[in-house]
Amino acid sequence: MAKKSFVKVRMVPEAKPDSPFFYYLKKPAGGEKAKVKLSAKKYNPATRKHEKFVEKKLPPHSK
């Protein structure tokens, strides 16, 4: 079976990480770019503004 080339990361607002709104993005699984923490400017409907979103660890999985 082949290795995954991308991993899923959760993006939360930098100013308010406990906000109810977040994005999921794909990030490379290996190489130089895998070690860099993602940040992107995205729209936050809770505040109705474009804000800086940063990468955060995914919540624990429950079965």
N, C-alpha and C. Protein backbone atom coordinates (compact mmCIF):
# COMPACT_ATOMS: atom_id res chain seq x y z
N MET A 1 0.85 -1.18 0.00
CA MET A 1 0.00 0.00 0.00
C MET A 1 0.90 1.25 0.00
N ALA A 2 0.51 2.24 -0.75
CA ALA A 2 1.31 3.47 -0.87
C ALA A 2 1.13 4.37 0.35
N LYS A 3 2.16 5.19 0.59
CA LYS A 3 2.09 6.17 1.67
C LYS A 3 1.17 7.31 1.27
N LYS A 4 0.61 7.97 2.25
CA LYS A 4 -0.22 9.14 1.98
C LYS A 4 0.69 10.30 1.57
N SER A 5 0.28 11.05 0.55
CA SER A 5 1.08 12.19 0.13
C SER A 5 0.60 13.48 0.78
N PHE A 6 -0.60 13.46 1.34
CA PHE A 6 -1.15 14.63 2.02
C PHE A 6 -1.77 14.22 3.35
N VAL A 7 -1.77 15.15 4.30
CA VAL A 7 -2.45 14.95 5.58
C VAL A 7 -3.46 16.08 5.76
N LYS A 8 -4.50 15.82 6.49
CA LYS A 8 -5.53 16.81 6.74
C LYS A 8 -5.17 17.61 7.99
N VAL A 9 -5.25 18.95 7.90
CA VAL A 9 -4.98 19.81 9.06
C VAL A 9 -6.17 20.72 9.29
N ARG A 10 -6.34 21.11 10.53
CA ARG A 10 -7.44 21.99 10.91
C ARG A 10 -6.91 23.41 11.05
N MET A 11 -7.58 24.37 10.43
CA MET A 11 -7.19 25.77 10.50
C MET A 11 -8.19 26.52 11.38
N VAL A 12 -7.69 27.20 12.42
CA VAL A 12 -8.53 27.96 13.34
C VAL A 12 -8.09 29.42 13.33
N PRO A 13 -8.99 30.36 13.66
CA PRO A 13 -8.60 31.77 13.69
C PRO A 13 -7.49 32.01 14.72
N GLU A 14 -6.49 32.79 14.32
CA GLU A 14 -5.36 33.06 15.21
C GLU A 14 -5.79 33.87 16.43
N ALA A 15 -6.66 34.86 16.22
CA ALA A 15 -7.09 35.73 17.32
C ALA A 15 -8.00 35.01 18.32
N LYS A 16 -8.84 34.09 17.81
CA LYS A 16 -9.82 33.42 18.68
C LYS A 16 -9.87 31.92 18.33
N PRO A 17 -8.92 31.12 18.84
CA PRO A 17 -8.86 29.70 18.47
C PRO A 17 -10.07 28.88 18.92
N ASP A 18 -10.84 29.36 19.90
CA ASP A 18 -12.02 28.61 20.36
C ASP A 18 -13.27 28.98 19.57
N SER A 19 -13.11 29.67 18.46
CA SER A 19 -14.23 30.06 17.60
C SER A 19 -14.95 28.81 17.07
N PRO A 20 -16.25 28.89 16.85
CA PRO A 20 -16.98 27.71 16.35
C PRO A 20 -16.70 27.40 14.88
N PHE A 21 -16.02 28.30 14.18
CA PHE A 21 -15.77 28.11 12.75
C PHE A 21 -14.31 27.76 12.50
N PHE A 22 -14.07 26.79 11.58
CA PHE A 22 -12.71 26.39 11.22
C PHE A 22 -12.72 25.83 9.80
N TYR A 23 -11.54 25.71 9.22
CA TYR A 23 -11.36 25.14 7.89
C TYR A 23 -10.51 23.89 8.00
N TYR A 24 -10.66 22.97 7.03
CA TYR A 24 -9.77 21.82 6.88
C TYR A 24 -9.03 22.01 5.57
N LEU A 25 -7.71 21.81 5.58
CA LEU A 25 -6.89 21.92 4.39
C LEU A 25 -5.98 20.71 4.29
N LYS A 26 -5.47 20.46 3.07
CA LYS A 26 -4.50 19.39 2.86
C LYS A 26 -3.11 19.98 2.92
N LYS A 27 -2.20 19.23 3.56
CA LYS A 27 -0.81 19.65 3.71
C LYS A 27 0.07 18.49 3.27
N PRO A 28 1.21 18.76 2.62
CA PRO A 28 2.08 17.65 2.22
C PRO A 28 2.52 16.81 3.42
N ALA A 29 2.60 15.50 3.24
CA ALA A 29 2.95 14.59 4.33
C ALA A 29 4.46 14.51 4.54
N GLY A 30 5.25 14.79 3.51
CA GLY A 30 6.70 14.68 3.64
C GLY A 30 7.40 15.86 2.98
N GLY A 31 8.69 15.95 3.21
CA GLY A 31 9.47 17.01 2.59
C GLY A 31 9.59 18.24 3.46
N GLU A 32 10.13 19.31 2.87
CA GLU A 32 10.36 20.55 3.60
C GLU A 32 9.05 21.24 4.01
N LYS A 33 8.06 21.23 3.15
CA LYS A 33 6.81 21.93 3.42
C LYS A 33 6.00 21.27 4.53
N ALA A 34 6.26 20.02 4.83
CA ALA A 34 5.54 19.31 5.90
C ALA A 34 5.93 19.83 7.27
N LYS A 35 7.13 20.39 7.38
CA LYS A 35 7.62 20.86 8.68
C LYS A 35 7.17 22.28 9.01
N VAL A 36 6.69 23.01 8.00
CA VAL A 36 6.29 24.41 8.19
C VAL A 36 4.83 24.46 8.62
N LYS A 37 4.54 25.28 9.64
CA LYS A 37 3.17 25.44 10.12
C LYS A 37 2.40 26.33 9.13
N LEU A 38 1.23 25.86 8.70
CA LEU A 38 0.44 26.62 7.72
C LEU A 38 -0.24 27.82 8.36
N SER A 39 -0.36 28.89 7.57
CA SER A 39 -1.18 30.04 7.96
C SER A 39 -1.75 30.63 6.69
N ALA A 40 -3.00 31.04 6.74
CA ALA A 40 -3.67 31.58 5.56
C ALA A 40 -4.72 32.60 5.98
N LYS A 41 -4.96 33.54 5.11
CA LYS A 41 -5.99 34.53 5.36
C LYS A 41 -7.30 34.01 4.75
N LYS A 42 -8.28 33.79 5.61
CA LYS A 42 -9.57 33.23 5.19
C LYS A 42 -10.70 34.05 5.77
N TYR A 43 -11.90 33.84 5.23
CA TYR A 43 -13.09 34.54 5.71
C TYR A 43 -13.65 33.82 6.93
N ASN A 44 -13.97 34.59 7.95
CA ASN A 44 -14.58 34.05 9.17
C ASN A 44 -16.01 34.57 9.26
N PRO A 45 -17.01 33.74 9.01
CA PRO A 45 -18.40 34.20 9.06
C PRO A 45 -18.87 34.61 10.45
N ALA A 46 -18.21 34.13 11.50
CA ALA A 46 -18.59 34.50 12.86
C ALA A 46 -18.34 35.99 13.11
N THR A 47 -17.23 36.51 12.58
CA THR A 47 -16.90 37.93 12.75
C THR A 47 -17.19 38.74 11.49
N ARG A 48 -17.52 38.05 10.40
CA ARG A 48 -17.78 38.65 9.09
C ARG A 48 -16.59 39.49 8.59
N LYS A 49 -15.39 38.92 8.77
CA LYS A 49 -14.15 39.56 8.32
C LYS A 49 -13.17 38.51 7.81
N HIS A 50 -12.19 38.96 7.03
CA HIS A 50 -11.08 38.10 6.66
C HIS A 50 -10.07 38.15 7.80
N GLU A 51 -9.65 36.98 8.27
CA GLU A 51 -8.72 36.89 9.39
C GLU A 51 -7.62 35.90 9.06
N LYS A 52 -6.57 35.92 9.86
CA LYS A 52 -5.49 34.97 9.70
C LYS A 52 -5.84 33.68 10.43
N PHE A 53 -5.81 32.57 9.70
CA PHE A 53 -6.07 31.25 10.26
C PHE A 53 -4.75 30.50 10.35
N VAL A 54 -4.54 29.78 11.44
CA VAL A 54 -3.31 29.01 11.64
C VAL A 54 -3.63 27.54 11.86
N GLU A 55 -2.64 26.72 11.61
CA GLU A 55 -2.79 25.28 11.74
C GLU A 55 -2.85 24.87 13.22
N LYS A 56 -3.75 23.96 13.52
CA LYS A 56 -3.87 23.43 14.87
C LYS A 56 -4.04 21.92 14.78
N LYS A 57 -3.66 21.23 15.82
CA LYS A 57 -3.77 19.77 15.86
C LYS A 57 -5.23 19.35 15.77
N LEU A 58 -5.48 18.25 15.06
CA LEU A 58 -6.84 17.73 14.95
C LEU A 58 -7.32 17.21 16.29
N PRO A 59 -8.63 17.30 16.57
CA PRO A 59 -9.16 16.77 17.84
C PRO A 59 -9.02 15.25 17.86
N PRO A 60 -8.99 14.63 19.05
CA PRO A 60 -8.85 13.18 19.13
C PRO A 60 -10.04 12.47 18.49
N HIS A 61 -9.76 11.35 17.88
CA HIS A 61 -10.79 10.56 17.19
C HIS A 61 -11.53 9.69 18.20
N SER A 62 -12.84 9.61 18.06
CA SER A 62 -13.63 8.74 18.93
C SER A 62 -14.38 7.74 18.06
N LYS A 63 -14.40 6.48 18.49
CA LYS A 63 -15.07 5.43 17.71
C LYS A 63 -16.44 5.16 18.25
